[in-house]
Amino acid sequence: MDFIVFLPIILLPYVGILILDISHEKSINIKLLESTFRIL
């Protein structure tokens, strides 16, 4: 039963890294959109 308690604590950093990666990719996409609009 202890393992079930520790599992979320172990996975928490990986979830945080995934969320950071997703938000970082979104910001990169927004920058790409802005640059393409400036070219147009």
N, C-alpha and C. Protein backbone atom coordinates (compact mmCIF):
# COMPACT_ATOMS: atom_id res chain seq x y z
N MET A 1 0.83 -1.21 0.00
CA MET A 1 0.00 0.00 0.00
C MET A 1 0.87 1.26 0.00
N ASP A 2 2.06 1.18 0.59
CA ASP A 2 2.94 2.36 0.65
C ASP A 2 3.36 2.79 -0.75
N PHE A 3 3.53 1.82 -1.65
CA PHE A 3 3.98 2.12 -3.01
C PHE A 3 2.97 3.02 -3.73
N ILE A 4 1.68 2.78 -3.48
CA ILE A 4 0.62 3.58 -4.11
C ILE A 4 0.72 5.03 -3.63
N VAL A 5 1.14 5.23 -2.39
CA VAL A 5 1.27 6.58 -1.85
C VAL A 5 2.47 7.28 -2.47
N PHE A 6 3.57 6.54 -2.68
CA PHE A 6 4.80 7.14 -3.19
C PHE A 6 4.76 7.36 -4.70
N LEU A 7 3.91 6.62 -5.41
CA LEU A 7 3.87 6.71 -6.87
C LEU A 7 3.59 8.12 -7.38
N PRO A 8 2.57 8.84 -6.89
CA PRO A 8 2.33 10.21 -7.37
C PRO A 8 3.51 11.13 -7.08
N ILE A 9 4.18 10.95 -5.94
CA ILE A 9 5.33 11.80 -5.59
C ILE A 9 6.46 11.57 -6.58
N ILE A 10 6.64 10.32 -7.03
CA ILE A 10 7.70 10.00 -7.99
C ILE A 10 7.34 10.57 -9.37
N LEU A 11 6.06 10.50 -9.74
CA LEU A 11 5.63 10.94 -11.07
C LEU A 11 5.48 12.45 -11.17
N LEU A 12 5.37 13.14 -10.04
CA LEU A 12 5.11 14.58 -10.04
C LEU A 12 6.12 15.38 -10.85
N PRO A 13 7.44 15.16 -10.70
CA PRO A 13 8.41 15.93 -11.50
C PRO A 13 8.24 15.70 -13.00
N TYR A 14 7.95 14.46 -13.39
CA TYR A 14 7.78 14.16 -14.82
C TYR A 14 6.57 14.89 -15.38
N VAL A 15 5.49 14.94 -14.60
CA VAL A 15 4.28 15.66 -15.04
C VAL A 15 4.60 17.15 -15.19
N GLY A 16 5.36 17.70 -14.24
CA GLY A 16 5.74 19.11 -14.31
C GLY A 16 6.58 19.40 -15.53
N ILE A 17 7.52 18.51 -15.84
CA ILE A 17 8.38 18.69 -17.02
C ILE A 17 7.52 18.63 -18.29
N LEU A 18 6.56 17.70 -18.33
CA LEU A 18 5.68 17.60 -19.50
C LEU A 18 4.88 18.88 -19.69
N ILE A 19 4.32 19.42 -18.58
CA ILE A 19 3.53 20.66 -18.67
C ILE A 19 4.41 21.80 -19.14
N LEU A 20 5.64 21.88 -18.63
CA LEU A 20 6.56 22.93 -19.05
C LEU A 20 6.89 22.80 -20.53
N ASP A 21 7.11 21.57 -21.00
CA ASP A 21 7.42 21.35 -22.42
C ASP A 21 6.26 21.79 -23.29
N ILE A 22 5.04 21.45 -22.89
CA ILE A 22 3.86 21.81 -23.69
C ILE A 22 3.70 23.32 -23.75
N SER A 23 3.84 24.01 -22.61
CA SER A 23 3.69 25.46 -22.60
C SER A 23 4.82 26.12 -23.38
N HIS A 24 6.02 25.54 -23.32
CA HIS A 24 7.16 26.09 -24.05
C HIS A 24 6.92 25.96 -25.56
N GLU A 25 6.40 24.81 -25.99
CA GLU A 25 6.10 24.60 -27.41
C GLU A 25 5.03 25.58 -27.88
N LYS A 26 4.03 25.85 -27.04
CA LYS A 26 2.98 26.80 -27.41
C LYS A 26 3.57 28.19 -27.60
N SER A 27 4.46 28.59 -26.72
CA SER A 27 5.06 29.92 -26.84
C SER A 27 5.92 30.00 -28.10
N ILE A 28 6.60 28.91 -28.44
CA ILE A 28 7.41 28.88 -29.67
C ILE A 28 6.48 29.01 -30.88
N ASN A 29 5.35 28.31 -30.85
CA ASN A 29 4.40 28.38 -31.96
C ASN A 29 3.85 29.80 -32.11
N ILE A 30 3.57 30.48 -30.99
CA ILE A 30 3.08 31.85 -31.04
C ILE A 30 4.13 32.76 -31.65
N LYS A 31 5.40 32.57 -31.28
CA LYS A 31 6.48 33.37 -31.84
C LYS A 31 6.60 33.13 -33.34
N LEU A 32 6.45 31.87 -33.76
CA LEU A 32 6.51 31.56 -35.19
C LEU A 32 5.37 32.24 -35.94
N LEU A 33 4.17 32.22 -35.35
CA LEU A 33 3.03 32.88 -35.98
C LEU A 33 3.27 34.38 -36.11
N GLU A 34 3.81 35.00 -35.06
CA GLU A 34 4.09 36.44 -35.10
C GLU A 34 5.10 36.76 -36.19
N SER A 35 6.14 35.94 -36.31
CA SER A 35 7.18 36.20 -37.32
C SER A 35 6.61 36.03 -38.73
N THR A 36 5.73 35.04 -38.92
CA THR A 36 5.15 34.84 -40.26
C THR A 36 4.23 36.01 -40.61
N PHE A 37 3.49 36.53 -39.64
CA PHE A 37 2.62 37.68 -39.91
C PHE A 37 3.45 38.91 -40.27
N ARG A 38 4.61 39.07 -39.63
CA ARG A 38 5.47 40.21 -39.94
C ARG A 38 6.01 40.10 -41.36
N ILE A 39 6.31 38.87 -41.79
CA ILE A 39 6.81 38.67 -43.16
C ILE A 39 5.70 39.00 -44.16
N LEU A 40 4.48 38.59 -43.86
CA LEU A 40 3.34 38.87 -44.75
C LEU A 40 3.06 40.37 -44.75
